[in-house]
């Protein structure tokens, strides 16, 4: 297993994706049937894992949430401070960390070339499955609703999150073709020709 190597370029890329997630919160959020806001920020989490890979994608979320914890208003609606980590959406925030890691693992599994189906699968599993699996139980605990009720409430997020999966997949694959250097170190020491190409006879 290759060791994680972080250099100045990686630090800059990690910071950029943390900033992207923060920027996606600028349009604000709205809440439907619950206390957890619907935002565009999950799209940034999906892209961080898909482009940066498992470890760097996870680090970008840790950087973002560390800045939130010290009070910077980087979450949707200008939220920030340690209080957000004990609120109804706390589990979803922690889910961003694990979700970005899982996305990177699946999308770049074994250091293989990017494929549409694996990118979509990784974003779906990590960006929805993992985040919900952590977020729903914590929301249930904080709001004192049953898991079943909380799960039913969370279904309102699914259509929008599925749209984000499609967008993240398209953006990732388009970026891989147009600028493969963006995937530097995503799946190992180097990633060259990340997109599977069809050979023309």
C-alpha atoms as a PDB file:
ATOM      1  CA  UNK A   1       0.000   0.000   0.000  1.00  0.00           C
ATOM      2  CA  UNK A   2       1.439   3.358  -1.041  1.00  0.00           C
ATOM      3  CA  UNK A   3       1.765   6.008   1.633  1.00  0.00           C
ATOM      4  CA  UNK A   4      -0.266   9.175   1.451  1.00  0.00           C
ATOM      5  CA  UNK A   5       1.927  11.960   0.134  1.00  0.00           C
ATOM      6  CA  UNK A   6       0.856  15.566   0.582  1.00  0.00           C
ATOM      7  CA  UNK A   7       2.774  18.379  -1.103  1.00  0.00           C
ATOM      8  CA  UNK A   8       2.105  22.071  -1.650  1.00  0.00           C
ATOM      9  CA  UNK A   9       0.008  21.401  -4.757  1.00  0.00           C
ATOM     10  CA  UNK A  10      -2.123  18.896  -2.873  1.00  0.00           C
ATOM     11  CA  UNK A  11      -2.646  21.390  -0.049  1.00  0.00           C
ATOM     12  CA  UNK A  12      -3.817  23.970  -2.581  1.00  0.00           C
ATOM     13  CA  UNK A  13      -6.222  21.475  -4.205  1.00  0.00           C
ATOM     14  CA  UNK A  14      -7.603  20.433  -0.808  1.00  0.00           C
ATOM     15  CA  UNK A  15      -8.176  24.102   0.037  1.00  0.00           C
ATOM     16  CA  UNK A  16      -9.856  24.722  -3.321  1.00  0.00           C
ATOM     17  CA  UNK A  17     -12.390  21.950  -2.802  1.00  0.00           C
ATOM     18  CA  UNK A  18     -13.086  23.086   0.740  1.00  0.00           C
ATOM     19  CA  UNK A  19     -13.765  26.521  -0.763  1.00  0.00           C
ATOM     20  CA  UNK A  20     -16.006  25.022  -3.459  1.00  0.00           C
ATOM     21  CA  UNK A  21     -18.198  23.356  -0.832  1.00  0.00           C
ATOM     22  CA  UNK A  22     -18.364  26.623   1.104  1.00  0.00           C
ATOM     23  CA  UNK A  23     -19.271  28.557  -2.072  1.00  0.00           C
ATOM     24  CA  UNK A  24     -22.074  26.129  -2.859  1.00  0.00           C
ATOM     25  CA  UNK A  25     -23.652  27.159   0.427  1.00  0.00           C
ATOM     26  CA  UNK A  26     -23.837  30.829  -0.585  1.00  0.00           C
ATOM     27  CA  UNK A  27     -27.221  30.545  -2.347  1.00  0.00           C
ATOM     28  CA  UNK A  28     -28.635  29.563   1.039  1.00  0.00           C
ATOM     29  CA  UNK A  29     -30.894  26.670   1.943  1.00  0.00           C
ATOM     30  CA  UNK A  30     -34.450  25.773   2.705  1.00  0.00           C
ATOM     31  CA  UNK A  31     -35.995  23.212   4.983  1.00  0.00           C
ATOM     32  CA  UNK A  32     -38.871  20.892   4.174  1.00  0.00           C
ATOM     33  CA  UNK A  33     -40.544  18.751   6.864  1.00  0.00           C
ATOM     34  CA  UNK A  34     -37.592  18.927   9.194  1.00  0.00           C
ATOM     35  CA  UNK A  35     -34.712  20.792  10.733  1.00  0.00           C
ATOM     36  CA  UNK A  36     -32.025  19.715   8.240  1.00  0.00           C
ATOM     37  CA  UNK A  37     -31.562  22.241   5.397  1.00  0.00           C
ATOM     38  CA  UNK A  38     -31.527  21.278   1.732  1.00  0.00           C
ATOM     39  CA  UNK A  39     -28.398  22.752   0.131  1.00  0.00           C
ATOM     40  CA  UNK A  40     -26.135  22.376  -2.897  1.00  0.00           C
ATOM     41  CA  UNK A  41     -23.096  21.684  -0.729  1.00  0.00           C
ATOM     42  CA  UNK A  42     -23.330  17.913  -1.042  1.00  0.00           C
ATOM     43  CA  UNK A  43     -22.425  18.327  -4.719  1.00  0.00           C
ATOM     44  CA  UNK A  44     -19.083  19.752  -3.603  1.00  0.00           C
ATOM     45  CA  UNK A  45     -18.540  16.797  -1.272  1.00  0.00           C
ATOM     46  CA  UNK A  46     -19.170  14.416  -4.171  1.00  0.00           C
ATOM     47  CA  UNK A  47     -16.722  16.259  -6.412  1.00  0.00           C
ATOM     48  CA  UNK A  48     -14.062  16.399  -3.695  1.00  0.00           C
ATOM     49  CA  UNK A  49     -14.047  12.623  -3.289  1.00  0.00           C
ATOM     50  CA  UNK A  50     -14.288  11.919  -7.020  1.00  0.00           C
ATOM     51  CA  UNK A  51     -11.523  14.315  -8.083  1.00  0.00           C
ATOM     52  CA  UNK A  52      -9.128  14.332  -5.124  1.00  0.00           C
ATOM     53  CA  UNK A  53      -9.469  10.668  -4.193  1.00  0.00           C
ATOM     54  CA  UNK A  54     -10.212   9.113  -0.823  1.00  0.00           C
ATOM     55  CA  UNK A  55      -7.657  10.652   1.544  1.00  0.00           C
ATOM     56  CA  UNK A  56      -7.394  14.092  -0.005  1.00  0.00           C
ATOM     57  CA  UNK A  57     -11.135  14.331  -0.459  1.00  0.00           C
ATOM     58  CA  UNK A  58     -11.595  13.476   3.205  1.00  0.00           C
ATOM     59  CA  UNK A  59      -8.959  16.033   4.210  1.00  0.00           C
ATOM     60  CA  UNK A  60     -10.741  18.757   2.255  1.00  0.00           C
ATOM     61  CA  UNK A  61     -13.900  18.096   4.284  1.00  0.00           C
ATOM     62  CA  UNK A  62     -11.927  18.071   7.537  1.00  0.00           C
ATOM     63  CA  UNK A  63     -10.423  21.453   6.636  1.00  0.00           C
ATOM     64  CA  UNK A  64     -13.860  22.882   5.838  1.00  0.00           C
ATOM     65  CA  UNK A  65     -15.450  21.617   9.046  1.00  0.00           C
ATOM     66  CA  UNK A  66     -12.483  22.748  11.146  1.00  0.00           C
ATOM     67  CA  UNK A  67     -13.003  26.258   9.808  1.00  0.00           C
ATOM     68  CA  UNK A  68     -16.719  25.965  10.565  1.00  0.00           C
ATOM     69  CA  UNK A  69     -15.928  24.821  14.107  1.00  0.00           C
ATOM     70  CA  UNK A  70     -13.860  27.932  14.823  1.00  0.00           C
ATOM     71  CA  UNK A  71     -16.785  30.089  13.802  1.00  0.00           C
ATOM     72  CA  UNK A  72     -16.477  30.843  10.101  1.00  0.00           C
ATOM     73  CA  UNK A  73     -19.958  30.986   8.483  1.00  0.00           C
ATOM     74  CA  UNK A  74     -19.205  28.524   5.701  1.00  0.00           C
ATOM     75  CA  UNK A  75     -22.318  26.384   5.865  1.00  0.00           C
ATOM     76  CA  UNK A  76     -25.521  27.202   4.023  1.00  0.00           C
ATOM     77  CA  UNK A  77     -27.349  30.177   5.436  1.00  0.00           C
ATOM     78  CA  UNK A  78     -24.130  31.567   6.931  1.00  0.00           C
ATOM     79  CA  UNK A  79     -24.023  28.987   9.697  1.00  0.00           C
ATOM     80  CA  UNK A  80     -20.868  28.312  11.635  1.00  0.00           C
ATOM     81  CA  UNK A  81     -19.540  27.657  15.109  1.00  0.00           C
ATOM     82  CA  UNK A  82     -19.313  24.582  17.274  1.00  0.00           C
ATOM     83  CA  UNK A  83     -23.068  24.538  17.802  1.00  0.00           C
ATOM     84  CA  UNK A  84     -23.748  23.113  14.343  1.00  0.00           C
ATOM     85  CA  UNK A  85     -22.032  19.894  15.418  1.00  0.00           C
ATOM     86  CA  UNK A  86     -24.659  19.196  18.061  1.00  0.00           C
ATOM     87  CA  UNK A  87     -27.684  20.153  15.948  1.00  0.00           C
ATOM     88  CA  UNK A  88     -29.972  18.011  13.788  1.00  0.00           C
ATOM     89  CA  UNK A  89     -27.662  18.257  10.770  1.00  0.00           C
ATOM     90  CA  UNK A  90     -24.502  17.251  12.681  1.00  0.00           C
ATOM     91  CA  UNK A  91     -24.570  13.673  11.431  1.00  0.00           C
ATOM     92  CA  UNK A  92     -24.764  14.817   7.830  1.00  0.00           C
ATOM     93  CA  UNK A  93     -21.717  17.030   8.353  1.00  0.00           C
ATOM     94  CA  UNK A  94     -19.700  14.133   9.756  1.00  0.00           C
ATOM     95  CA  UNK A  95     -21.080  12.083   6.879  1.00  0.00           C
ATOM     96  CA  UNK A  96     -19.371  14.464   4.473  1.00  0.00           C
ATOM     97  CA  UNK A  97     -15.994  13.334   5.795  1.00  0.00           C
ATOM     98  CA  UNK A  98     -16.680   9.613   5.484  1.00  0.00           C
ATOM     99  CA  UNK A  99     -18.685  10.079   2.289  1.00  0.00           C
ATOM    100  CA  UNK A 100     -15.850  11.864   0.474  1.00  0.00           C
ATOM    101  CA  UNK A 101     -13.480   9.083   1.531  1.00  0.00           C
ATOM    102  CA  UNK A 102     -15.789   6.310   0.295  1.00  0.00           C
ATOM    103  CA  UNK A 103     -16.420   8.128  -2.986  1.00  0.00           C
ATOM    104  CA  UNK A 104     -12.688   8.350  -3.610  1.00  0.00           C
ATOM    105  CA  UNK A 105     -12.168   4.671  -2.777  1.00  0.00           C
ATOM    106  CA  UNK A 106     -14.804   3.513  -5.241  1.00  0.00           C
ATOM    107  CA  UNK A 107     -14.151   5.986  -8.061  1.00  0.00           C
ATOM    108  CA  UNK A 108     -10.405   5.306  -8.039  1.00  0.00           C
ATOM    109  CA  UNK A 109     -10.565   1.647  -6.943  1.00  0.00           C
ATOM    110  CA  UNK A 110      -7.223  -0.043  -7.421  1.00  0.00           C
ATOM    111  CA  UNK A 111      -5.791   2.954  -9.258  1.00  0.00           C
ATOM    112  CA  UNK A 112      -7.735   1.967 -12.356  1.00  0.00           C
ATOM    113  CA  UNK A 113      -8.848   4.319 -15.107  1.00  0.00           C
ATOM    114  CA  UNK A 114     -11.989   6.283 -14.459  1.00  0.00           C
ATOM    115  CA  UNK A 115     -15.169   4.725 -15.759  1.00  0.00           C
ATOM    116  CA  UNK A 116     -18.597   6.296 -15.932  1.00  0.00           C
ATOM    117  CA  UNK A 117     -20.323   3.488 -14.073  1.00  0.00           C
ATOM    118  CA  UNK A 118     -17.792   3.377 -11.214  1.00  0.00           C
ATOM    119  CA  UNK A 119     -17.823   7.146 -10.831  1.00  0.00           C
ATOM    120  CA  UNK A 120     -21.622   7.178 -10.653  1.00  0.00           C
ATOM    121  CA  UNK A 121     -21.613   4.235  -8.224  1.00  0.00           C
ATOM    122  CA  UNK A 122     -19.038   5.870  -5.963  1.00  0.00           C
ATOM    123  CA  UNK A 123     -20.876   9.176  -5.874  1.00  0.00           C
ATOM    124  CA  UNK A 124     -24.183   7.402  -5.213  1.00  0.00           C
ATOM    125  CA  UNK A 125     -22.857   5.176  -2.423  1.00  0.00           C
ATOM    126  CA  UNK A 126     -20.653   7.755  -0.720  1.00  0.00           C
ATOM    127  CA  UNK A 127     -22.599  10.892  -1.504  1.00  0.00           C
ATOM    128  CA  UNK A 128     -26.025   9.561  -0.584  1.00  0.00           C
ATOM    129  CA  UNK A 129     -25.797   6.157   1.125  1.00  0.00           C
ATOM    130  CA  UNK A 130     -22.979   6.933   3.553  1.00  0.00           C
ATOM    131  CA  UNK A 131     -24.109  10.456   4.373  1.00  0.00           C
ATOM    132  CA  UNK A 132     -27.676   9.314   5.036  1.00  0.00           C
ATOM    133  CA  UNK A 133     -26.471   6.328   7.073  1.00  0.00           C
ATOM    134  CA  UNK A 134     -24.667   8.695   9.449  1.00  0.00           C
ATOM    135  CA  UNK A 135     -27.006  11.667   9.231  1.00  0.00           C
ATOM    136  CA  UNK A 136     -30.367   9.989   9.826  1.00  0.00           C
ATOM    137  CA  UNK A 137     -29.541   8.296  13.169  1.00  0.00           C
ATOM    138  CA  UNK A 138     -27.975  11.488  14.536  1.00  0.00           C
ATOM    139  CA  UNK A 139     -30.948  13.564  13.390  1.00  0.00           C
ATOM    140  CA  UNK A 140     -33.268  11.035  15.028  1.00  0.00           C
ATOM    141  CA  UNK A 141     -31.307  11.271  18.279  1.00  0.00           C
ATOM    142  CA  UNK A 142     -31.261  15.066  18.342  1.00  0.00           C
ATOM    143  CA  UNK A 143     -34.884  15.587  17.324  1.00  0.00           C
ATOM    144  CA  UNK A 144     -36.116  12.625  19.390  1.00  0.00           C
ATOM    145  CA  UNK A 145     -38.111  11.285  16.467  1.00  0.00           C
ATOM    146  CA  UNK A 146     -38.059   7.593  15.642  1.00  0.00           C
ATOM    147  CA  UNK A 147     -35.660   6.330  13.004  1.00  0.00           C
ATOM    148  CA  UNK A 148     -38.616   5.472  10.814  1.00  0.00           C
ATOM    149  CA  UNK A 149     -40.064   8.976  10.991  1.00  0.00           C
ATOM    150  CA  UNK A 150     -36.669  10.532  10.409  1.00  0.00           C
ATOM    151  CA  UNK A 151     -36.028   8.246   7.442  1.00  0.00           C
ATOM    152  CA  UNK A 152     -39.349   9.205   5.879  1.00  0.00           C
ATOM    153  CA  UNK A 153     -38.539  12.884   6.372  1.00  0.00           C
ATOM    154  CA  UNK A 154     -35.158  12.387   4.714  1.00  0.00           C
ATOM    155  CA  UNK A 155     -36.798  11.108   1.531  1.00  0.00           C
ATOM    156  CA  UNK A 156     -37.410  14.741   0.578  1.00  0.00           C
ATOM    157  CA  UNK A 157     -33.645  15.023  -0.046  1.00  0.00           C
ATOM    158  CA  UNK A 158     -33.452  12.083  -2.450  1.00  0.00           C
ATOM    159  CA  UNK A 159     -34.607  13.664  -5.756  1.00  0.00           C
ATOM    160  CA  UNK A 160     -32.229  16.596  -5.389  1.00  0.00           C
ATOM    161  CA  UNK A 161     -29.357  14.354  -4.323  1.00  0.00           C
ATOM    162  CA  UNK A 162     -29.898  12.110  -7.344  1.00  0.00           C
ATOM    163  CA  UNK A 163     -29.612  15.174  -9.562  1.00  0.00           C
ATOM    164  CA  UNK A 164     -26.336  15.987  -7.776  1.00  0.00           C
ATOM    165  CA  UNK A 165     -25.087  12.445  -8.481  1.00  0.00           C
ATOM    166  CA  UNK A 166     -25.685  12.957 -12.194  1.00  0.00           C
ATOM    167  CA  UNK A 167     -24.054  16.390 -12.152  1.00  0.00           C
ATOM    168  CA  UNK A 168     -21.037  15.169 -10.165  1.00  0.00           C
ATOM    169  CA  UNK A 169     -20.549  12.228 -12.526  1.00  0.00           C
ATOM    170  CA  UNK A 170     -20.770  14.388 -15.651  1.00  0.00           C
ATOM    171  CA  UNK A 171     -18.471  17.070 -14.214  1.00  0.00           C
ATOM    172  CA  UNK A 172     -15.912  14.492 -13.046  1.00  0.00           C
ATOM    173  CA  UNK A 173     -15.753  12.641 -16.360  1.00  0.00           C
ATOM    174  CA  UNK A 174     -15.689  15.854 -18.383  1.00  0.00           C
ATOM    175  CA  UNK A 175     -12.869  17.216 -16.235  1.00  0.00           C
ATOM    176  CA  UNK A 176     -10.962  13.936 -16.581  1.00  0.00           C
ATOM    177  CA  UNK A 177     -11.013  14.279 -20.354  1.00  0.00           C
ATOM    178  CA  UNK A 178     -10.327  18.006 -20.484  1.00  0.00           C
ATOM    179  CA  UNK A 179      -7.805  18.331 -17.650  1.00  0.00           C
ATOM    180  CA  UNK A 180      -6.510  14.980 -16.362  1.00  0.00           C
ATOM    181  CA  UNK A 181      -3.895  16.723 -14.195  1.00  0.00           C
ATOM    182  CA  UNK A 182      -6.731  17.705 -11.877  1.00  0.00           C
ATOM    183  CA  UNK A 183      -6.707  14.070 -10.742  1.00  0.00           C
ATOM    184  CA  UNK A 184      -3.041  14.164  -9.740  1.00  0.00           C
ATOM    185  CA  UNK A 185      -2.339  11.553  -7.015  1.00  0.00           C
ATOM    186  CA  UNK A 186      -6.056  10.711  -6.756  1.00  0.00           C
ATOM    187  CA  UNK A 187      -5.433   7.001  -7.113  1.00  0.00           C
ATOM    188  CA  UNK A 188      -1.764   6.648  -6.287  1.00  0.00           C
ATOM    189  CA  UNK A 189       1.604   8.201  -7.132  1.00  0.00           C
ATOM    190  CA  UNK A 190       0.331   9.394 -10.499  1.00  0.00           C
ATOM    191  CA  UNK A 191      -2.783   9.175 -12.589  1.00  0.00           C
ATOM    192  CA  UNK A 192      -2.307   9.288 -16.316  1.00  0.00           C
ATOM    193  CA  UNK A 193      -4.962   8.897 -18.970  1.00  0.00           C
ATOM    194  CA  UNK A 194      -7.694   8.499 -16.352  1.00  0.00           C
ATOM    195  CA  UNK A 195     -10.603   8.006 -18.730  1.00  0.00           C
ATOM    196  CA  UNK A 196     -11.145   4.755 -20.530  1.00  0.00           C
ATOM    197  CA  UNK A 197     -11.057   5.468 -24.250  1.00  0.00           C
ATOM    198  CA  UNK A 198     -12.631   3.431 -26.974  1.00  0.00           C
ATOM    199  CA  UNK A 199     -10.083   2.253 -29.503  1.00  0.00           C
ATOM    200  CA  UNK A 200     -11.001   3.129 -33.088  1.00  0.00           C
ATOM    201  CA  UNK A 201     -10.051   0.484 -35.616  1.00  0.00           C
END
